[in-house]
Amino acid sequence: MNEAFTQAIPILHTLHEHGYQAYFVGGAVRDVLLGREIGDIDIATDATPDTVESLFDKTVDVGKEHGTVIVIHHGVSYEVTTFRSESEYEDFRRPKEVQFISSLKEDLLRRDLTINAMAMDINGEIIDHVGGKQDIQRKQIQTVGDPACRFAEDALRMMRAVRFLSQLGFHLSAETAEAMKKDKHLLANISVERKKIEMEKLLQGRYCGQAIKVLISTNLYEELPGLHEYELHEELQKFPYYLLDGLEEVWGAFIHFLGLNETEALSFLKEWKLSTKLLKEAMAISKHVDCHWDAEKMFEAGEHVLLSSLKITQLKHERRVIFDELEAIKRSYDALPIKKLNELAVSGKDLMAFRQKTSGKWIADELHAVKKAVLQNRLVNRKEAIEEWLNACDQQLEND
């Protein structure tokens, strides 16, 4: 058994010793069958949340009304959730109420996708009532039971299905894909924030291109912020977003390949409700893709935008990252005499004193001229040298 599960076995032992069922469930079981790295370990039991709290020393209530308690064992957190059935869903998102039950099978049958609805016992035996193992072998994504029912319960399951396709390289079952086409409109009931989480995971999946094709073939893209307005063309589909680092690079590349101008990009990213910081970084990165770099442009962009946009440019044209080129331009950036305007040896106050003039637009103009001369190595960044240079410029203007 995988070490991650072995470390959690004492929790199952404790529940068993007190007469309760307990199993590993969900994504960790799926990933061990796929040979993928194991993430969080989740446990399902017929013990009630109050009972779970009474059996373990360190617990955190993260949703007892829905059956979930976090148990902390040797510093690791495990979600322990009581077997449950769910009533009619409201808002196409959550059940009106849950009932705690004693049947593992019934608990598994309420889940979204077959590959996520398996359990594993303390001996490593897989319990599969829904054909999850078979679907893994077939590399198939399909819902547990009728997809129309699953999507009517929680419409975000459509996005989750495509997201797993992006991460695993699987395909949708014909029945699941057909239900998405019919029920895509239900996504209108889902908050942008929840859609964004799934979209960001989808874009970072190894098989993102396949996933975007499915968004198009099922017309799900029509229910996603802003996407119905633009063409999701081949170049956008083929780009390897999973090779990027950070969401600012992912969104920057995405809006670049959508072909958005600055005004369109701003509107599009606001529709996705990105944070102000992430929005600004993504737009700056997108703006500098395919840039021809000189000292001034490197200064204006800053190191992060410089390297991020160059990486996207390389992947766009080479389909690989040329690290030597990244290192070379980083050395060029490091060699800049200044990297921020406040590193200039003179300030606006210095110029006012030197010129004996009051503040005005002229200060920004002269600081820009000084900055440009320093970056082009035509001027040493020292106060005295800058004053002499400005004097010389004045004399030149007079002579002209």
Protein backbone atom coordinates (compact mmCIF):
# COMPACT_ATOMS: atom_id res chain seq x y z
CA MET A 1 0.00 0.00 0.00
CA ASN A 2 1.17 3.52 -0.80
CA GLU A 3 2.96 5.23 2.10
CA ALA A 4 0.45 8.10 2.15
CA PHE A 5 -2.33 5.61 2.92
CA THR A 6 -0.18 3.67 5.39
CA GLN A 7 0.30 6.81 7.48
CA ALA A 8 -3.47 7.23 7.71
CA ILE A 9 -4.26 3.61 8.62
CA PRO A 10 -4.29 4.33 12.41
CA ILE A 11 -7.39 6.49 11.84
CA LEU A 12 -9.17 3.55 10.19
CA HIS A 13 -7.97 1.27 13.00
CA THR A 14 -9.44 3.55 15.64
CA LEU A 15 -12.80 3.68 13.89
CA HIS A 16 -12.82 -0.10 13.37
CA GLU A 17 -11.93 -0.76 17.02
CA HIS A 18 -15.03 1.17 18.07
CA GLY A 19 -17.29 -0.77 15.74
CA TYR A 20 -17.46 1.58 12.77
CA GLN A 21 -16.80 1.14 9.07
CA ALA A 22 -14.03 3.24 7.54
CA TYR A 23 -12.58 3.44 4.03
CA PHE A 24 -10.30 5.59 1.92
CA VAL A 25 -12.38 7.29 -0.79
CA GLY A 26 -12.29 9.67 -3.71
CA GLY A 27 -9.40 11.17 -5.60
CA ALA A 28 -6.62 9.43 -3.69
CA VAL A 29 -8.06 6.02 -4.61
CA ARG A 30 -8.34 7.09 -8.24
CA ASP A 31 -4.77 8.37 -8.30
CA VAL A 32 -3.25 5.25 -6.76
CA LEU A 33 -4.89 3.20 -9.54
CA LEU A 34 -3.49 5.64 -12.09
CA GLY A 35 -0.02 5.59 -10.55
CA ARG A 36 -0.20 9.35 -9.99
CA GLU A 37 1.13 11.29 -7.03
CA ILE A 38 -1.29 11.01 -4.12
CA GLY A 39 -2.78 14.25 -2.86
CA ASP A 40 -5.07 14.61 0.13
CA ILE A 41 -6.33 11.41 1.73
CA ASP A 42 -10.08 11.40 2.42
CA ILE A 43 -11.85 8.89 4.65
CA ALA A 44 -15.51 7.88 4.73
CA THR A 45 -17.18 6.24 7.72
CA ASP A 46 -20.59 5.43 9.19
CA ALA A 47 -19.53 7.14 12.45
CA THR A 48 -21.33 10.45 12.97
CA PRO A 49 -19.32 13.69 13.08
CA ASP A 50 -19.85 13.94 16.86
CA THR A 51 -18.54 10.40 17.26
CA VAL A 52 -15.48 11.15 15.13
CA GLU A 53 -14.73 14.18 17.29
CA SER A 54 -15.01 12.07 20.43
CA LEU A 55 -12.62 9.39 19.14
CA PHE A 56 -9.70 11.64 18.18
CA ASP A 57 -7.73 14.19 20.17
CA LYS A 58 -7.17 16.75 17.43
CA THR A 59 -10.11 17.59 15.19
CA VAL A 60 -11.42 20.63 13.32
CA ASP A 61 -15.07 21.22 12.49
CA VAL A 62 -15.17 22.20 8.81
CA GLY A 63 -18.80 21.28 8.13
CA LYS A 64 -20.33 18.88 10.62
CA GLU A 65 -23.79 19.64 9.23
CA HIS A 66 -22.59 18.00 5.99
CA GLY A 67 -20.76 15.24 7.83
CA THR A 68 -17.15 16.39 7.59
CA VAL A 69 -14.59 16.67 10.38
CA ILE A 70 -10.85 17.08 9.90
CA VAL A 71 -8.76 14.69 11.97
CA ILE A 72 -5.15 15.71 12.53
CA HIS A 73 -2.80 12.74 12.88
CA HIS A 74 0.95 13.25 13.27
CA GLY A 75 0.57 16.76 11.88
CA VAL A 76 -1.31 15.68 8.74
CA SER A 77 -4.94 16.66 8.15
CA TYR A 78 -7.47 14.09 6.93
CA GLU A 79 -11.08 14.81 6.02
CA VAL A 80 -13.31 12.23 7.67
CA THR A 81 -16.87 12.33 6.32
CA THR A 82 -19.89 10.37 7.41
CA PHE A 83 -21.66 8.24 4.77
CA ARG A 84 -24.56 10.31 3.54
CA SER A 85 -27.42 10.54 1.12
CA GLU A 86 -28.60 13.82 -0.33
CA SER A 87 -32.04 15.30 -0.87
CA GLU A 88 -33.12 17.38 -3.85
CA TYR A 89 -30.51 19.95 -4.86
CA GLU A 90 -31.16 23.70 -4.82
CA ASP A 91 -29.48 26.40 -6.92
CA PHE A 92 -28.02 23.60 -9.11
CA ARG A 93 -25.27 23.41 -6.53
CA ARG A 94 -26.02 21.89 -3.14
CA PRO A 95 -28.56 19.54 -1.55
CA LYS A 96 -31.29 21.04 0.62
CA GLU A 97 -30.32 18.56 3.31
CA VAL A 98 -28.13 15.50 3.88
CA GLN A 99 -28.93 12.37 5.83
CA PHE A 100 -26.27 10.29 7.55
CA ILE A 101 -26.50 6.63 6.55
CA SER A 102 -24.70 3.34 7.17
CA SER A 103 -24.22 2.18 3.57
CA LEU A 104 -20.91 2.77 1.81
CA LYS A 105 -22.48 1.78 -1.51
CA GLU A 106 -25.23 4.37 -1.22
CA ASP A 107 -22.65 7.00 -0.29
CA LEU A 108 -20.54 6.20 -3.35
CA LEU A 109 -23.55 6.25 -5.67
CA ARG A 110 -24.23 9.94 -4.90
CA ARG A 111 -20.81 11.05 -6.20
CA ASP A 112 -20.10 12.83 -9.47
CA LEU A 113 -17.81 10.74 -11.72
CA THR A 114 -17.16 7.01 -11.68
CA ILE A 115 -13.40 7.49 -11.38
CA ASN A 116 -13.99 9.51 -8.19
CA ALA A 117 -16.52 7.10 -6.66
CA MET A 118 -14.35 4.19 -5.53
CA ALA A 119 -13.23 3.22 -2.06
CA MET A 120 -10.29 1.26 -0.64
CA ASP A 121 -10.34 -0.74 2.57
CA ILE A 122 -7.65 -1.04 5.20
CA ASN A 123 -6.06 -3.97 3.34
CA GLY A 124 -5.80 -2.10 0.05
CA GLU A 125 -8.76 -3.83 -1.59
CA ILE A 126 -10.72 -1.62 -4.02
CA ILE A 127 -14.49 -1.37 -3.63
CA ASP A 128 -16.03 -0.32 -6.93
CA HIS A 129 -19.82 -0.28 -7.33
CA VAL A 130 -19.88 2.08 -10.31
CA GLY A 131 -17.33 0.78 -12.83
CA GLY A 132 -14.62 3.27 -11.94
CA LYS A 133 -11.77 0.80 -12.51
CA GLN A 134 -13.16 -0.13 -15.90
CA ASP A 135 -13.46 3.52 -16.88
CA ILE A 136 -9.83 4.11 -15.85
CA GLN A 137 -8.81 1.23 -18.09
CA ARG A 138 -10.91 2.69 -20.91
CA LYS A 139 -9.58 6.18 -20.15
CA GLN A 140 -13.15 7.35 -19.99
CA ILE A 141 -14.86 10.13 -18.05
CA GLN A 142 -18.49 9.52 -17.23
CA THR A 143 -20.90 10.33 -14.46
CA VAL A 144 -22.18 7.99 -11.81
CA GLY A 145 -25.61 7.07 -13.14
CA ASP A 146 -27.67 9.34 -15.38
CA PRO A 147 -25.55 12.37 -16.39
CA ALA A 148 -28.65 14.58 -16.75
CA CYS A 149 -29.49 13.92 -13.09
CA ARG A 150 -25.91 14.53 -11.94
CA PHE A 151 -25.69 17.84 -13.85
CA ALA A 152 -29.12 18.97 -12.65
CA GLU A 153 -27.91 18.43 -9.07
CA ASP A 154 -24.71 20.43 -9.54
CA ALA A 155 -24.10 21.96 -12.96
CA LEU A 156 -20.43 22.57 -12.14
CA ARG A 157 -19.92 18.83 -12.58
CA MET A 158 -19.80 19.49 -16.32
CA MET A 159 -16.74 21.68 -15.85
CA ARG A 160 -15.21 19.20 -13.40
CA ALA A 161 -15.57 16.41 -15.96
CA VAL A 162 -13.73 18.44 -18.61
CA ARG A 163 -11.12 19.48 -16.06
CA PHE A 164 -10.34 15.83 -15.25
CA LEU A 165 -10.13 15.16 -18.98
CA SER A 166 -7.49 17.91 -19.18
CA GLN A 167 -5.52 16.48 -16.28
CA LEU A 168 -5.72 12.80 -17.26
CA GLY A 169 -5.98 12.77 -21.05
CA PHE A 170 -9.20 10.74 -20.93
CA HIS A 171 -12.25 11.14 -23.19
CA LEU A 172 -15.88 11.80 -22.34
CA SER A 173 -18.37 8.96 -22.67
CA ALA A 174 -20.85 9.61 -25.45
CA GLU A 175 -23.75 9.78 -22.99
CA THR A 176 -21.95 12.29 -20.77
CA ALA A 177 -20.98 14.50 -23.73
CA GLU A 178 -24.54 14.45 -25.09
CA ALA A 179 -25.96 15.45 -21.70
CA MET A 180 -23.53 18.39 -21.57
CA LYS A 181 -24.79 19.65 -24.92
CA LYS A 182 -28.37 19.51 -23.69
CA ASP A 183 -27.76 20.86 -20.19
CA LYS A 184 -24.98 23.41 -20.75
CA HIS A 185 -27.41 26.24 -19.97
CA LEU A 186 -27.48 25.06 -16.34
CA LEU A 187 -23.96 26.49 -15.93
CA ALA A 188 -25.58 29.93 -15.91
CA ASN A 189 -26.67 29.11 -12.35
CA ILE A 190 -23.08 28.61 -11.17
CA SER A 191 -21.02 31.47 -9.76
CA VAL A 192 -18.10 32.83 -11.75
CA GLU A 193 -15.80 32.07 -8.82
CA ARG A 194 -16.57 28.34 -8.97
CA LYS A 195 -16.22 28.28 -12.76
CA LYS A 196 -12.90 30.10 -12.49
CA ILE A 197 -11.42 27.49 -10.14
CA GLU A 198 -12.25 24.72 -12.59
CA MET A 199 -11.11 26.73 -15.62
CA GLU A 200 -7.73 27.47 -14.05
CA LYS A 201 -7.19 23.78 -13.24
CA LEU A 202 -8.31 22.88 -16.76
CA LEU A 203 -5.85 25.31 -18.35
CA GLN A 204 -2.99 23.87 -16.31
CA GLY A 205 -3.78 20.28 -17.29
CA ARG A 206 -1.36 18.31 -19.44
CA TYR A 207 -4.11 17.68 -22.00
CA CYS A 208 -5.58 21.17 -22.01
CA GLY A 209 -5.87 21.23 -25.80
CA GLN A 210 -8.18 18.22 -25.76
CA ALA A 211 -10.22 19.81 -23.00
CA ILE A 212 -10.69 23.07 -24.93
CA LYS A 213 -11.85 21.03 -27.94
CA VAL A 214 -14.47 19.44 -25.66
CA LEU A 215 -15.56 22.86 -24.38
CA ILE A 216 -16.16 23.74 -28.03
CA SER A 217 -17.77 20.46 -29.17
CA THR A 218 -20.22 20.48 -26.23
CA ASN A 219 -20.75 24.27 -26.47
CA LEU A 220 -19.90 24.62 -22.78
CA TYR A 221 -17.67 27.57 -23.68
CA GLU A 222 -20.82 29.57 -24.45
CA GLU A 223 -21.66 29.53 -20.74
CA LEU A 224 -18.21 30.70 -19.60
CA PRO A 225 -17.38 34.38 -18.99
CA GLY A 226 -16.55 36.24 -22.20
CA LEU A 227 -15.67 33.16 -24.26
CA HIS A 228 -18.78 33.19 -26.41
CA GLU A 229 -17.54 36.47 -27.93
CA TYR A 230 -14.26 35.14 -29.31
CA GLU A 231 -12.95 32.38 -31.54
CA LEU A 232 -11.16 29.58 -29.67
CA HIS A 233 -8.85 28.96 -32.60
CA GLU A 234 -6.25 26.27 -33.14
CA GLU A 235 -3.27 28.23 -31.78
CA LEU A 236 -5.09 28.84 -28.49
CA GLN A 237 -5.99 25.16 -28.21
CA LYS A 238 -2.49 23.86 -28.88
CA PHE A 239 -0.50 26.07 -26.51
CA PRO A 240 1.06 24.09 -23.59
CA TYR A 241 -0.23 26.18 -20.67
CA TYR A 242 0.82 23.41 -18.26
CA LEU A 243 4.48 24.36 -18.84
CA LEU A 244 3.90 27.84 -17.37
CA ASP A 245 4.41 28.90 -13.77
CA GLY A 246 1.66 30.76 -11.96
CA LEU A 247 -1.83 31.82 -12.92
CA GLU A 248 -0.63 35.21 -14.13
CA GLU A 249 1.32 33.45 -16.89
CA VAL A 250 -1.58 31.13 -17.71
CA TRP A 251 -4.11 33.95 -18.02
CA GLY A 252 -1.54 36.13 -19.81
CA ALA A 253 -0.98 33.44 -22.44
CA PHE A 254 -4.71 32.77 -22.76
CA ILE A 255 -5.67 36.38 -23.49
CA HIS A 256 -2.71 36.67 -25.87
CA PHE A 257 -3.93 33.72 -27.93
CA LEU A 258 -7.49 35.01 -27.82
CA GLY A 259 -6.02 38.02 -29.63
CA LEU A 260 -7.48 40.60 -27.27
CA ASN A 261 -6.43 44.24 -27.26
CA GLU A 262 -5.86 46.00 -23.95
CA THR A 263 -9.47 47.17 -23.55
CA GLU A 264 -10.88 43.75 -24.47
CA ALA A 265 -8.42 41.94 -22.17
CA LEU A 266 -9.35 44.16 -19.24
CA SER A 267 -13.07 43.52 -19.77
CA PHE A 268 -12.53 39.77 -20.28
CA LEU A 269 -10.44 39.26 -17.13
CA LYS A 270 -12.86 41.34 -15.07
CA GLU A 271 -15.65 39.03 -16.21
CA TRP A 272 -13.65 36.15 -14.70
CA LYS A 273 -13.35 38.18 -11.47
CA LEU A 274 -9.57 37.95 -11.24
CA SER A 275 -7.96 39.86 -8.39
CA THR A 276 -6.61 43.29 -9.32
CA LYS A 277 -3.02 42.10 -8.85
CA LEU A 278 -3.47 38.97 -10.98
CA LEU A 279 -5.34 40.92 -13.66
CA LYS A 280 -2.60 43.55 -13.99
CA GLU A 281 0.18 40.94 -14.10
CA ALA A 282 -1.62 38.86 -16.74
CA MET A 283 -2.23 41.90 -18.93
CA ALA A 284 1.39 43.06 -18.63
CA ILE A 285 2.70 39.60 -19.54
CA SER A 286 0.35 39.29 -22.52
CA LYS A 287 1.32 42.77 -23.76
CA HIS A 288 5.02 41.82 -23.91
CA VAL A 289 4.73 38.48 -25.74
CA ASP A 290 6.78 38.73 -28.97
CA CYS A 291 8.46 41.89 -27.64
CA HIS A 292 11.85 42.95 -29.02
CA TRP A 293 13.68 43.74 -25.82
CA ASP A 294 15.95 46.68 -25.18
CA ALA A 295 17.05 48.27 -21.90
CA GLU A 296 14.06 50.59 -21.69
CA LYS A 297 11.52 47.86 -22.33
CA MET A 298 13.17 45.57 -19.77
CA PHE A 299 13.09 48.40 -17.25
CA GLU A 300 9.41 49.12 -17.87
CA ALA A 301 8.40 45.46 -17.75
CA GLY A 302 10.36 44.36 -14.69
CA GLU A 303 12.05 40.99 -14.25
CA HIS A 304 8.96 38.83 -13.70
CA VAL A 305 6.99 40.15 -16.69
CA LEU A 306 10.16 40.04 -18.80
CA LEU A 307 10.90 36.37 -18.13
CA SER A 308 7.25 35.26 -18.16
CA SER A 309 6.47 36.88 -21.51
CA LEU A 310 9.72 35.58 -23.00
CA LYS A 311 8.86 32.05 -21.87
CA ILE A 312 5.45 32.30 -23.56
CA THR A 313 7.10 33.68 -26.71
CA GLN A 314 9.54 30.76 -26.78
CA LEU A 315 6.78 28.18 -26.28
CA LYS A 316 4.68 29.86 -28.93
CA HIS A 317 7.40 29.66 -31.58
CA GLU A 318 9.64 26.80 -30.45
CA ARG A 319 7.20 24.63 -28.46
CA ARG A 320 9.95 24.46 -25.80
CA VAL A 321 11.67 26.76 -23.32
CA ILE A 322 15.25 27.70 -24.20
CA PHE A 323 16.79 28.18 -20.77
CA ASP A 324 20.04 29.61 -22.12
CA GLU A 325 18.08 32.44 -23.73
CA LEU A 326 16.17 33.05 -20.50
CA GLU A 327 19.42 33.19 -18.57
CA ALA A 328 21.00 35.52 -21.12
CA ILE A 329 18.18 38.03 -20.95
CA LYS A 330 18.10 37.76 -17.16
CA ARG A 331 21.79 38.69 -17.14
CA SER A 332 20.96 41.67 -19.37
CA TYR A 333 18.25 42.70 -16.93
CA ASP A 334 20.58 42.27 -13.94
CA ALA A 335 23.12 44.49 -15.70
CA LEU A 336 20.72 47.42 -16.01
CA PRO A 337 22.13 50.42 -14.12
CA ILE A 338 18.70 51.01 -12.53
CA LYS A 339 15.63 48.81 -12.21
CA LYS A 340 13.21 51.30 -10.62
CA LEU A 341 12.73 55.03 -11.09
CA ASN A 342 13.50 55.72 -7.43
CA GLU A 343 16.99 54.32 -8.02
CA LEU A 344 17.88 57.40 -10.07
CA ALA A 345 20.43 59.58 -8.26
CA VAL A 346 18.10 62.57 -8.62
CA SER A 347 14.48 63.06 -7.59
CA GLY A 348 11.84 65.58 -8.56
CA LYS A 349 12.85 67.71 -5.59
CA ASP A 350 16.47 67.70 -6.77
CA LEU A 351 15.40 68.90 -10.21
CA MET A 352 13.23 71.66 -8.70
CA ALA A 353 16.20 72.83 -6.61
CA PHE A 354 18.57 72.59 -9.54
CA ARG A 355 16.23 74.42 -11.93
CA GLN A 356 14.86 76.81 -9.34
CA LYS A 357 11.38 76.06 -10.66
CA THR A 358 8.08 74.97 -9.12
CA SER A 359 6.61 71.56 -9.75
CA GLY A 360 4.91 70.72 -13.05
CA LYS A 361 4.83 68.28 -15.95
CA TRP A 362 8.39 69.25 -16.80
CA ILE A 363 9.65 67.15 -13.86
CA ALA A 364 8.25 63.90 -15.31
CA ASP A 365 9.63 64.82 -18.74
CA GLU A 366 13.15 65.48 -17.40
CA LEU A 367 13.15 62.38 -15.20
CA HIS A 368 12.14 60.35 -18.25
CA ALA A 369 14.99 61.85 -20.28
CA VAL A 370 17.49 61.16 -17.48
CA LYS A 371 16.22 57.61 -17.02
CA LYS A 372 16.52 56.92 -20.75
CA ALA A 373 20.09 58.27 -20.90
CA VAL A 374 21.12 56.21 -17.84
CA LEU A 375 19.57 53.02 -19.23
CA GLN A 376 21.34 53.56 -22.57
CA ASN A 377 24.62 54.03 -20.68
CA ARG A 378 24.98 57.54 -22.07
CA LEU A 379 24.90 58.97 -18.57
CA VAL A 380 26.40 57.80 -15.25
CA ASN A 381 23.81 57.55 -12.49
CA ARG A 382 25.39 60.16 -10.17
CA LYS A 383 23.77 63.40 -9.07
CA GLU A 384 26.63 65.63 -10.20
CA ALA A 385 26.88 63.90 -13.58
CA ILE A 386 23.14 64.23 -14.14
CA GLU A 387 23.20 67.96 -13.37
CA GLU A 388 26.11 68.45 -15.75
CA TRP A 389 24.29 66.47 -18.44
CA LEU A 390 21.13 68.56 -18.06
CA ASN A 391 23.24 71.72 -18.34
CA ALA A 392 24.83 70.39 -21.47
CA CYS A 393 21.38 69.61 -22.90
CA ASP A 394 20.27 73.17 -22.15
CA GLN A 395 23.32 74.59 -23.90
CA GLN A 396 22.70 72.34 -26.89
CA LEU A 397 19.11 73.60 -27.15
CA GLU A 398 20.31 77.21 -26.96
CA ASN A 399 22.88 76.63 -29.69
CA ASP A 400 20.24 74.98 -31.87
